[in-house]
N, C-alpha and C. Protein backbone atom coordinates (compact mmCIF):
# COMPACT_ATOMS: atom_id res chain seq x y z
N UNK A 1 16.73 12.57 16.57
CA UNK A 1 16.05 13.97 15.21
C UNK A 1 15.03 13.26 15.43
N UNK A 2 13.61 13.98 15.82
CA UNK A 2 12.57 12.98 15.19
C UNK A 2 12.14 12.95 14.35
N UNK A 3 11.24 12.80 13.32
CA UNK A 3 10.35 11.94 12.23
C UNK A 3 9.51 13.14 11.34
N UNK A 4 9.86 14.57 12.85
CA UNK A 4 9.29 15.60 12.10
C UNK A 4 10.48 15.90 11.22
N UNK A 5 11.39 16.26 12.27
CA UNK A 5 12.30 16.92 11.34
C UNK A 5 13.26 16.42 10.67
N UNK A 6 12.72 14.75 10.22
CA UNK A 6 13.80 13.86 10.15
C UNK A 6 12.91 14.80 8.42
N UNK A 7 11.54 14.55 8.32
CA UNK A 7 10.53 15.01 7.14
C UNK A 7 11.21 16.39 6.53
N UNK A 8 11.74 16.81 7.51
CA UNK A 8 11.49 18.98 7.67
C UNK A 8 13.15 18.90 6.28
N UNK A 9 13.84 18.15 6.78
CA UNK A 9 14.72 17.72 6.48
C UNK A 9 15.41 17.70 4.32
N UNK A 10 14.61 16.23 4.93
CA UNK A 10 13.75 15.67 3.34
C UNK A 10 13.06 16.66 2.69
N UNK A 11 12.67 17.51 3.02
CA UNK A 11 11.85 18.03 2.10
C UNK A 11 12.77 19.64 1.59
N UNK A 12 13.40 20.49 2.23
CA UNK A 12 14.67 20.81 1.89
C UNK A 12 15.71 20.22 1.57
N UNK A 13 15.62 19.25 0.86
CA UNK A 13 16.72 18.93 0.50
C UNK A 13 15.22 18.52 -1.15
N UNK A 14 14.36 18.24 -1.19
CA UNK A 14 13.69 18.62 -2.29
C UNK A 14 13.38 19.64 -2.83
N UNK A 15 13.22 21.01 -2.61
CA UNK A 15 13.19 21.56 -1.90
C UNK A 15 14.65 22.23 -3.12
N UNK A 16 16.12 22.20 -2.34
CA UNK A 16 17.04 22.22 -2.76
C UNK A 16 17.39 21.65 -4.36
N UNK A 17 17.03 20.59 -4.29
CA UNK A 17 17.10 19.87 -5.29
C UNK A 17 16.39 20.06 -6.28
N UNK A 18 14.50 20.84 -6.66
CA UNK A 18 13.92 20.86 -7.63
C UNK A 18 14.54 22.33 -8.47
N UNK A 19 15.16 23.18 -6.85
CA UNK A 19 15.77 24.67 -7.31
C UNK A 19 17.53 23.96 -8.42
N UNK A 20 18.32 22.88 -8.28
CA UNK A 20 19.47 22.75 -8.79
C UNK A 20 18.26 22.38 -10.25
N UNK A 21 17.99 21.68 -10.40
CA UNK A 21 17.38 20.89 -11.73
C UNK A 21 16.86 22.17 -12.39
N UNK A 22 16.73 23.17 -11.56
CA UNK A 22 15.16 23.90 -12.77
C UNK A 22 16.66 24.67 -13.22
N UNK A 23 18.12 25.09 -12.19
CA UNK A 23 19.29 25.65 -12.96
C UNK A 23 19.01 25.73 -14.10
N UNK A 24 19.59 23.79 -14.17
CA UNK A 24 20.28 22.73 -15.11
C UNK A 24 19.43 22.87 -16.23
N UNK A 25 18.41 23.34 -16.54
CA UNK A 25 16.94 23.58 -16.70
C UNK A 25 17.71 24.98 -17.45
N UNK A 26 17.67 25.65 -17.84
CA UNK A 26 18.42 27.50 -17.63
C UNK A 26 19.38 27.24 -18.26
N UNK A 27 20.30 26.15 -17.80
CA UNK A 27 21.69 26.20 -18.40
C UNK A 27 21.66 25.48 -19.70
N UNK A 28 20.87 24.24 -20.16
CA UNK A 28 20.77 23.36 -20.98
C UNK A 28 19.48 23.87 -21.86
N UNK A 29 18.68 24.93 -22.13
CA UNK A 29 17.65 25.26 -22.98
C UNK A 29 16.71 24.24 -23.38
N UNK A 30 16.32 24.94 -23.96
CA UNK A 30 14.70 24.56 -24.57
C UNK A 30 14.82 23.11 -24.80
N UNK A 31 15.76 22.97 -25.34
CA UNK A 31 16.11 21.47 -25.62
C UNK A 31 15.91 20.46 -25.44
N UNK A 32 15.89 20.42 -24.18
CA UNK A 32 16.02 19.53 -23.27
C UNK A 32 15.54 19.90 -21.63
N UNK A 33 15.79 18.60 -21.16
CA UNK A 33 14.82 18.58 -20.07
C UNK A 33 14.84 17.89 -19.04
N UNK A 34 15.11 17.47 -17.89
CA UNK A 34 15.02 16.70 -16.94
C UNK A 34 14.28 14.75 -16.65
N UNK A 35 15.22 14.26 -17.13
CA UNK A 35 14.18 13.23 -17.25
C UNK A 35 13.67 13.14 -15.46
N UNK A 36 12.28 11.97 -15.41
CA UNK A 36 11.56 11.28 -13.61
C UNK A 36 12.74 9.78 -13.72
N UNK A 37 13.74 10.19 -12.61
CA UNK A 37 14.19 9.60 -12.17
C UNK A 37 12.67 8.01 -11.25
N UNK A 38 13.43 6.71 -10.21
CA UNK A 38 12.63 6.47 -9.17
C UNK A 38 11.70 7.09 -8.00
N UNK A 39 11.26 6.48 -7.94
CA UNK A 39 10.22 7.20 -6.52
C UNK A 39 11.75 7.47 -5.77
N UNK A 40 11.41 8.37 -4.90
CA UNK A 40 10.80 9.30 -4.49
C UNK A 40 11.35 10.53 -5.15
N UNK A 41 9.51 10.85 -6.00
CA UNK A 41 10.32 12.36 -6.20
C UNK A 41 10.16 13.45 -5.74
N UNK A 42 8.68 12.58 -4.54
CA UNK A 42 8.52 14.44 -4.32
C UNK A 42 8.19 13.26 -2.33
N UNK A 43 7.05 14.31 -2.17
CA UNK A 43 6.89 14.04 -0.55
C UNK A 43 4.64 13.19 -1.17
N UNK A 44 4.94 13.62 -1.92
CA UNK A 44 3.66 13.43 -2.18
C UNK A 44 3.53 11.84 -3.29
N UNK A 45 4.57 12.26 -3.14
CA UNK A 45 5.04 10.21 -4.58
C UNK A 45 5.44 9.11 -3.26
N UNK A 46 6.02 9.50 -2.40
CA UNK A 46 6.40 8.93 -1.01
C UNK A 46 5.10 7.99 -1.02
N UNK A 47 4.06 9.35 -0.51
CA UNK A 47 2.75 8.94 0.45
C UNK A 47 2.13 8.17 -0.85
N UNK A 48 1.58 8.45 -1.87
CA UNK A 48 1.14 7.82 -2.20
C UNK A 48 1.58 6.61 -2.49
N UNK A 49 2.89 6.42 -2.87
CA UNK A 49 3.43 4.37 -3.71
C UNK A 49 3.42 4.30 -2.00
N UNK A 50 3.57 4.90 -0.82
CA UNK A 50 3.04 3.88 0.37
C UNK A 50 1.96 3.77 0.87
N UNK A 51 0.47 4.73 0.43
CA UNK A 51 -0.69 3.86 -0.21
C UNK A 51 -1.19 3.41 -0.68
N UNK A 52 -0.73 2.92 -2.10
CA UNK A 52 -1.11 2.12 -3.36
C UNK A 52 -0.32 0.96 -2.40
N UNK A 53 0.74 0.37 -1.67
CA UNK A 53 1.50 -0.82 -1.40
C UNK A 53 0.14 -0.80 -0.44
N UNK A 54 0.46 -0.51 0.36
CA UNK A 54 -0.79 -0.19 1.84
C UNK A 54 -2.00 -1.32 1.64
N UNK A 55 -3.10 -0.71 -0.13
CA UNK A 55 -3.71 -1.50 -0.59
C UNK A 55 -3.55 -3.02 -1.20
N UNK A 56 -2.40 -2.48 -2.30
CA UNK A 56 -2.37 -3.43 -2.45
C UNK A 56 -2.04 -4.83 -1.77
N UNK A 57 -1.07 -5.22 -0.46
CA UNK A 57 -1.17 -5.57 0.99
C UNK A 57 -2.55 -6.49 1.40
N UNK A 58 -2.68 -4.62 1.45
CA UNK A 58 -4.29 -5.47 2.16
C UNK A 58 -4.78 -6.24 1.22
N UNK A 59 -5.19 -5.96 0.19
CA UNK A 59 -5.93 -7.22 -0.75
C UNK A 59 -5.83 -8.78 -0.69
N UNK A 60 -5.03 -8.98 -0.38
CA UNK A 60 -3.71 -10.38 -0.35
C UNK A 60 -4.37 -10.12 0.51
N UNK A 61 -3.84 -9.71 1.83
CA UNK A 61 -4.66 -10.42 3.08
C UNK A 61 -6.18 -10.95 2.88
N UNK A 62 -6.80 -10.36 2.60
CA UNK A 62 -8.25 -9.61 2.62
C UNK A 62 -9.00 -10.94 1.43
N UNK A 63 -7.51 -11.14 0.42
CA UNK A 63 -8.03 -12.83 -0.32
C UNK A 63 -7.93 -13.82 -0.22
N UNK A 64 -7.34 -13.46 1.28
CA UNK A 64 -6.71 -15.20 1.67
C UNK A 64 -8.12 -14.91 2.68
N UNK A 65 -7.50 -14.86 3.82
CA UNK A 65 -9.17 -15.03 4.82
C UNK A 65 -10.84 -15.06 4.12
N UNK A 66 -10.68 -14.63 3.06
CA UNK A 66 -11.93 -14.67 1.40
C UNK A 66 -11.72 -16.51 1.12
N UNK A 67 -10.07 -17.01 0.91
CA UNK A 67 -10.07 -18.66 0.32
C UNK A 67 -10.65 -19.06 1.10
N UNK A 68 -10.88 -19.15 2.75
CA UNK A 68 -11.26 -19.64 3.64
C UNK A 68 -12.75 -19.93 3.45
N UNK A 69 -14.24 -19.19 2.57
CA UNK A 69 -15.37 -18.86 3.15
C UNK A 69 -15.91 -19.70 2.19
N UNK A 70 -14.76 -21.01 1.93
CA UNK A 70 -15.87 -22.11 1.29
C UNK A 70 -16.40 -22.91 1.53
N UNK A 71 -17.31 -23.67 1.71
CA UNK A 71 -17.31 -24.91 3.22
C UNK A 71 -16.38 -25.75 2.25
N UNK A 72 -16.22 -26.62 1.35
CA UNK A 72 -15.99 -27.75 0.57
C UNK A 72 -14.05 -27.01 1.43
N UNK A 73 -13.09 -26.11 1.16
CA UNK A 73 -11.94 -26.19 1.50
C UNK A 73 -12.22 -26.45 2.69
N UNK A 74 -12.65 -25.47 3.42
CA UNK A 74 -12.75 -26.14 5.32
C UNK A 74 -12.86 -27.47 5.59
N UNK A 75 -14.51 -27.73 4.88
CA UNK A 75 -13.67 -29.22 4.92
C UNK A 75 -13.08 -30.16 5.01
N UNK A 76 -11.96 -30.48 3.88
CA UNK A 76 -10.15 -31.01 3.71
C UNK A 76 -10.02 -29.76 4.99
N UNK A 77 -9.61 -29.61 5.61
CA UNK A 77 -8.98 -28.65 6.98
C UNK A 77 -9.59 -29.27 7.92
N UNK A 78 -10.70 -29.36 8.68
CA UNK A 78 -11.55 -30.47 8.56
C UNK A 78 -12.73 -31.37 9.01
N UNK A 79 -11.77 -31.81 8.66
CA UNK A 79 -12.91 -33.22 7.78
C UNK A 79 -13.75 -33.76 8.96
N UNK A 80 -14.13 -33.55 10.03
CA UNK A 80 -14.61 -33.67 11.18
C UNK A 80 -15.61 -32.86 11.43
N UNK A 81 -15.79 -31.18 10.33
CA UNK A 81 -17.05 -30.63 11.63
C UNK A 81 -18.16 -31.16 10.73
N UNK A 82 -19.05 -30.75 11.31
CA UNK A 82 -20.45 -30.55 10.84
C UNK A 82 -20.50 -29.62 10.23
N UNK A 83 -21.70 -29.73 8.53
CA UNK A 83 -21.38 -28.40 7.98
C UNK A 83 -22.07 -27.06 8.66
N UNK A 84 -22.78 -26.87 9.44
CA UNK A 84 -23.18 -26.47 10.63
C UNK A 84 -22.26 -25.23 10.96
N UNK A 85 -20.94 -25.93 11.29
CA UNK A 85 -19.07 -25.66 11.86
C UNK A 85 -18.69 -25.13 10.56
N UNK A 86 -19.33 -25.82 9.46
CA UNK A 86 -18.57 -24.55 8.29
C UNK A 86 -19.38 -24.39 7.82
N UNK A 87 -19.76 -23.83 7.64
CA UNK A 87 -20.63 -22.83 7.14
C UNK A 87 -20.34 -21.50 8.21
N UNK A 88 -20.53 -21.59 9.56
CA UNK A 88 -19.88 -20.96 10.75
C UNK A 88 -18.89 -20.00 10.46
N UNK A 89 -17.78 -21.08 9.78
CA UNK A 89 -16.37 -21.02 9.40
C UNK A 89 -16.28 -20.07 8.83
N UNK A 90 -17.14 -20.56 7.75
CA UNK A 90 -17.31 -19.59 6.10
C UNK A 90 -17.90 -18.45 6.16
N UNK A 91 -19.30 -18.24 7.30
CA UNK A 91 -19.23 -16.46 7.59
C UNK A 91 -18.33 -16.24 7.75
N UNK A 92 -16.78 -16.31 9.11
CA UNK A 92 -16.39 -16.31 9.72
C UNK A 92 -15.05 -15.58 8.38
N UNK A 93 -15.02 -15.95 7.75
CA UNK A 93 -13.84 -15.88 7.39
C UNK A 93 -14.18 -15.22 6.12
N UNK A 94 -16.06 -14.67 6.53
CA UNK A 94 -16.30 -13.55 4.50
C UNK A 94 -16.19 -13.10 5.94
N UNK A 95 -16.24 -12.40 6.71
CA UNK A 95 -16.35 -10.71 7.75
C UNK A 95 -14.97 -10.89 8.26
N UNK A 96 -14.24 -11.58 8.41
CA UNK A 96 -12.34 -11.24 8.14
C UNK A 96 -12.09 -10.19 7.20
N UNK A 97 -12.70 -11.02 5.95
CA UNK A 97 -12.09 -10.55 4.29
C UNK A 97 -12.70 -9.23 4.09
N UNK A 98 -14.10 -9.66 4.32
CA UNK A 98 -14.75 -7.78 4.20
C UNK A 98 -14.59 -6.36 5.83
N UNK A 99 -14.02 -7.17 6.56
CA UNK A 99 -13.07 -6.13 7.78
C UNK A 99 -11.53 -5.51 7.45
N UNK A 100 -11.14 -6.26 6.27
CA UNK A 100 -9.51 -5.48 5.76
C UNK A 100 -10.30 -5.09 5.14
N UNK A 101 -10.46 -6.04 3.81
CA UNK A 101 -10.54 -4.94 2.42
C UNK A 101 -11.50 -3.27 3.04
N UNK A 102 -11.85 -3.03 4.43
CA UNK A 102 -12.15 -1.72 4.43
C UNK A 102 -11.91 -1.31 5.63
N UNK A 103 -10.76 -1.25 5.86
CA UNK A 103 -10.16 -0.96 7.34
C UNK A 103 -9.37 0.40 5.98
N UNK A 104 -9.34 1.51 5.91
CA UNK A 104 -8.41 2.20 5.81
C UNK A 104 -6.97 2.78 6.23
N UNK A 105 -6.37 2.53 5.51
CA UNK A 105 -4.68 2.80 5.66
C UNK A 105 -4.90 3.80 6.51
N UNK A 106 -3.59 3.50 7.64
CA UNK A 106 -3.82 4.41 8.22
C UNK A 106 -4.45 3.80 9.84
N UNK A 107 -4.98 3.27 9.21
CA UNK A 107 -6.30 3.51 10.62
C UNK A 107 -6.24 2.02 11.52
């Protein structure tokens, strides 16, 4: 079964579930309403949650890279490095952090 087939089945399931909830609402009357449960509520919610998780993970990775952008930190790791080498390594770390932050989800 392809991913597209699976997504189609999931979408059909969500439509069926929405219909069942709507019918329950009619039966329950105006004083009761459905309560939202845990994700996923819909394909859009799932996609949004995944997107948000990717952004959080990406920022964490960028922060790790940026933590190496300070020559004193690099000097602790490589005490034998020259000041020029430390500056170069810090610049590389900054560029890596920027590249991670600039990358779009799914790219």
